[in-house]
Amino acid sequence: MWRLTIIESNDMNTREFIEQLFFKHHYPCSSFVVISSKGDYISYFGEFPKEFVWEAVQILKQTISSYQSHNSP
């Protein structure tokens, strides 16, 4: 089951927390991180087309599906 949560906040505490957790350097343009329910993540630093976010979601979905099929009883 996938849940998509988009954090696009003007709250500096939220933005700073995410930035410090996933990005070592501040960048004035957009960056993103996609986190799976298992804790795997893909992050992209710098400007990007919207399609990159969707591709990151698809990659993580495939990774989880592959993991589940290899580890099912």
C-alpha atoms as a PDB file:
ATOM      1  CA  MET A   1       0.000   0.000   0.000  1.00  0.00           C
ATOM      2  CA  TRP A   2       1.351   3.384  -0.995  1.00  0.00           C
ATOM      3  CA  ARG A   3       0.513   6.708   0.532  1.00  0.00           C
ATOM      4  CA  LEU A   4       1.723   9.861  -1.115  1.00  0.00           C
ATOM      5  CA  THR A   5       2.397  12.772   1.188  1.00  0.00           C
ATOM      6  CA  ILE A   6       3.650  15.965  -0.333  1.00  0.00           C
ATOM      7  CA  ILE A   7       5.358  18.281   2.080  1.00  0.00           C
ATOM      8  CA  GLU A   8       5.434  21.681   0.522  1.00  0.00           C
ATOM      9  CA  SER A   9       5.593  23.917   3.507  1.00  0.00           C
ATOM     10  CA  ASN A  10       6.325  27.536   4.173  1.00  0.00           C
ATOM     11  CA  ASP A  11       7.033  26.515   7.762  1.00  0.00           C
ATOM     12  CA  MET A  12      10.801  26.929   8.076  1.00  0.00           C
ATOM     13  CA  ASN A  13      11.065  24.310  10.852  1.00  0.00           C
ATOM     14  CA  THR A  14       9.656  21.604   8.554  1.00  0.00           C
ATOM     15  CA  ARG A  15      11.728  22.684   5.567  1.00  0.00           C
ATOM     16  CA  GLU A  16      14.923  22.960   7.612  1.00  0.00           C
ATOM     17  CA  PHE A  17      14.356  19.557   9.212  1.00  0.00           C
ATOM     18  CA  ILE A  18      13.979  17.832   5.837  1.00  0.00           C
ATOM     19  CA  GLU A  19      16.878  19.762   4.348  1.00  0.00           C
ATOM     20  CA  GLN A  20      19.226  18.903   7.218  1.00  0.00           C
ATOM     21  CA  LEU A  21      18.159  15.264   7.233  1.00  0.00           C
ATOM     22  CA  PHE A  22      18.554  14.562   3.507  1.00  0.00           C
ATOM     23  CA  PHE A  23      20.686  17.325   1.987  1.00  0.00           C
ATOM     24  CA  LYS A  24      24.100  18.350   3.292  1.00  0.00           C
ATOM     25  CA  HIS A  25      24.155  21.675   1.452  1.00  0.00           C
ATOM     26  CA  HIS A  26      21.520  24.348   1.021  1.00  0.00           C
ATOM     27  CA  TYR A  27      20.363  24.879  -2.549  1.00  0.00           C
ATOM     28  CA  PRO A  28      18.071  27.792  -3.434  1.00  0.00           C
ATOM     29  CA  CYS A  29      16.050  25.802  -5.989  1.00  0.00           C
ATOM     30  CA  SER A  30      13.859  22.770  -5.452  1.00  0.00           C
ATOM     31  CA  SER A  31      15.131  19.355  -4.420  1.00  0.00           C
ATOM     32  CA  PHE A  32      13.083  16.321  -3.452  1.00  0.00           C
ATOM     33  CA  VAL A  33      13.127  13.112  -1.460  1.00  0.00           C
ATOM     34  CA  VAL A  34      10.783  10.134  -1.867  1.00  0.00           C
ATOM     35  CA  ILE A  35      10.669   7.765   1.128  1.00  0.00           C
ATOM     36  CA  SER A  36       9.211   4.248   1.024  1.00  0.00           C
ATOM     37  CA  SER A  37       7.265   2.672   3.864  1.00  0.00           C
ATOM     38  CA  LYS A  38      10.351   0.505   4.503  1.00  0.00           C
ATOM     39  CA  GLY A  39      12.566   3.570   4.943  1.00  0.00           C
ATOM     40  CA  ASP A  40      14.339   3.360   1.584  1.00  0.00           C
ATOM     41  CA  TYR A  41      14.596   6.695  -0.140  1.00  0.00           C
ATOM     42  CA  ILE A  42      15.663   8.453  -3.305  1.00  0.00           C
ATOM     43  CA  SER A  43      16.674  12.087  -3.149  1.00  0.00           C
ATOM     44  CA  TYR A  44      17.502  14.523  -5.886  1.00  0.00           C
ATOM     45  CA  PHE A  45      19.469  17.691  -5.269  1.00  0.00           C
ATOM     46  CA  GLY A  46      18.750  20.638  -7.525  1.00  0.00           C
ATOM     47  CA  GLU A  47      16.267  21.571 -10.191  1.00  0.00           C
ATOM     48  CA  PHE A  48      14.348  18.732 -11.806  1.00  0.00           C
ATOM     49  CA  PRO A  49      11.384  18.049 -14.062  1.00  0.00           C
ATOM     50  CA  LYS A  50       8.218  16.789 -12.350  1.00  0.00           C
ATOM     51  CA  GLU A  51       8.668  13.421 -14.042  1.00  0.00           C
ATOM     52  CA  PHE A  52      11.729  12.710 -11.869  1.00  0.00           C
ATOM     53  CA  VAL A  53       9.506  12.486  -8.776  1.00  0.00           C
ATOM     54  CA  TRP A  54       7.173   9.982 -10.455  1.00  0.00           C
ATOM     55  CA  GLU A  55      10.177   7.942 -11.667  1.00  0.00           C
ATOM     56  CA  ALA A  56      11.596   7.840  -8.131  1.00  0.00           C
ATOM     57  CA  VAL A  57       8.247   6.557  -6.817  1.00  0.00           C
ATOM     58  CA  GLN A  58       8.182   3.853  -9.502  1.00  0.00           C
ATOM     59  CA  ILE A  59      11.751   2.753  -8.708  1.00  0.00           C
ATOM     60  CA  LEU A  60      10.967   2.430  -5.008  1.00  0.00           C
ATOM     61  CA  LYS A  61       7.749   0.531  -5.777  1.00  0.00           C
ATOM     62  CA  GLN A  62       9.713  -1.958  -7.873  1.00  0.00           C
ATOM     63  CA  THR A  63      12.344  -2.311  -5.169  1.00  0.00           C
ATOM     64  CA  ILE A  64       9.745  -3.102  -2.514  1.00  0.00           C
ATOM     65  CA  SER A  65       7.858  -5.497  -4.802  1.00  0.00           C
ATOM     66  CA  SER A  66      11.103  -7.303  -5.624  1.00  0.00           C
ATOM     67  CA  TYR A  67      12.048  -7.501  -1.949  1.00  0.00           C
ATOM     68  CA  GLN A  68       8.633  -8.861  -0.963  1.00  0.00           C
ATOM     69  CA  SER A  69       8.631 -11.524  -3.699  1.00  0.00           C
ATOM     70  CA  HIS A  70      12.114 -12.739  -2.692  1.00  0.00           C
ATOM     71  CA  ASN A  71      11.263 -12.859   1.008  1.00  0.00           C
ATOM     72  CA  SER A  72       7.769 -14.315   0.948  1.00  0.00           C
ATOM     73  CA  PRO A  73       7.269 -17.749   2.582  1.00  0.00           C
END
